[in-house]
Structure formats: structure tokens, C-alpha cells
Amino acid sequence: MTETADSLTQRLMNGGEKTVGFFEALSPDQWGISIYTEGSCWTVQQVLAHLVAAEVSIVRLVKNILSGGEGTPENFNLDAYNERKVSELQGISPEKLLAEFKGCRASTISLVAELSPEDLSRQGRHPWLGVTEVGEIIKLLSLHTQIHQRDIRKVLG
């Protein structure tokens, strides 16, 4: 693990601020535009719901690994989980979702800021990366948010 808790915390802070600014700049009409054309064809609003769910689940995953757990079960169906979590957040306004994202990101940052180098190098199973270090899971969380924003930008022009 080459990154420190400080550098990961800074990455999460900067990324979170950019994410909030990105979503705050959207017009009311843009929230209902479909971004993905496969699966359940998530709208911009559903992508934000997915980002909220990801923040919550990654914090839970990291805490599991830090407490000696193995992480995500081997037979975990990531696509089904994502669909279920987005469906659970259906009907929540963009404003409330964005407030929820801010709170979740703040919790993530608080957790990461307290991690030791040993914590960052602990290994557990991530549903997409497989068995990897906590630090890599945190880096992917930051990248994950950027990827979805890039996808939204492509569709919105």
C-alpha cells in the first residue's frame, strides 16, 4: 500500500466536494435522464442513489475487514445487490440523496483518517476486486464515484 490515510482522506475530501458540486449544478430536467442502457437503465438520480449505497456498504465492508472479518462472501452477487439498494432509495428527492451522500462521505473520511498503515494493508474480499487491501478498496471507492460522473457527463454532453 503506497498511499497513507492522509492522502486517501484528502482524495476522498476533494472527490466528495467535486461530486457534490457536479450534482448541485444539474438542472431539474437532467435528473430523470437515463445514463445506462443495460440492466435497469439507471437515471442520473438513480446513479446518485447508487453512490450513496456504495459509500454505506464500503464503510461497512472496511469495518468488517478491520474487525477480522473476511469481507464480502465469495458468492456475493454485486449486480443484484446494487439493483436492490438503488430500488430501496427510489423516490428520495435529489436534494435528500445529495445530503445523504455528503453525510456518508463525511463518515467515510472520518473512518479513513483514523486508519493506521497496518489497517490499510489488511486484506479482505471486495465484491469486484476480490481479495485486496483496505487501502485499495478505499481508492476504488473514490475512483468509482469519478467513473459514474464521467458516464453522466458523456450522456448529458
Foldseek 3Di string as FASTA:
>chain_A
DPDALVVLLVLLVVLLVVLLVLLVPDDPVQQQCFLDDPDPRDGNLLVLQLLLVLLVLLVVQLVCLLVPHQGDDPPDDVVVVSVVSSVVCPPPDSVVSSVSNVVSSVVVSVVSNPDGPVSQAGWHQDPPPGIGGSVVSSVVSSVVSVVVSVSSVVVVD
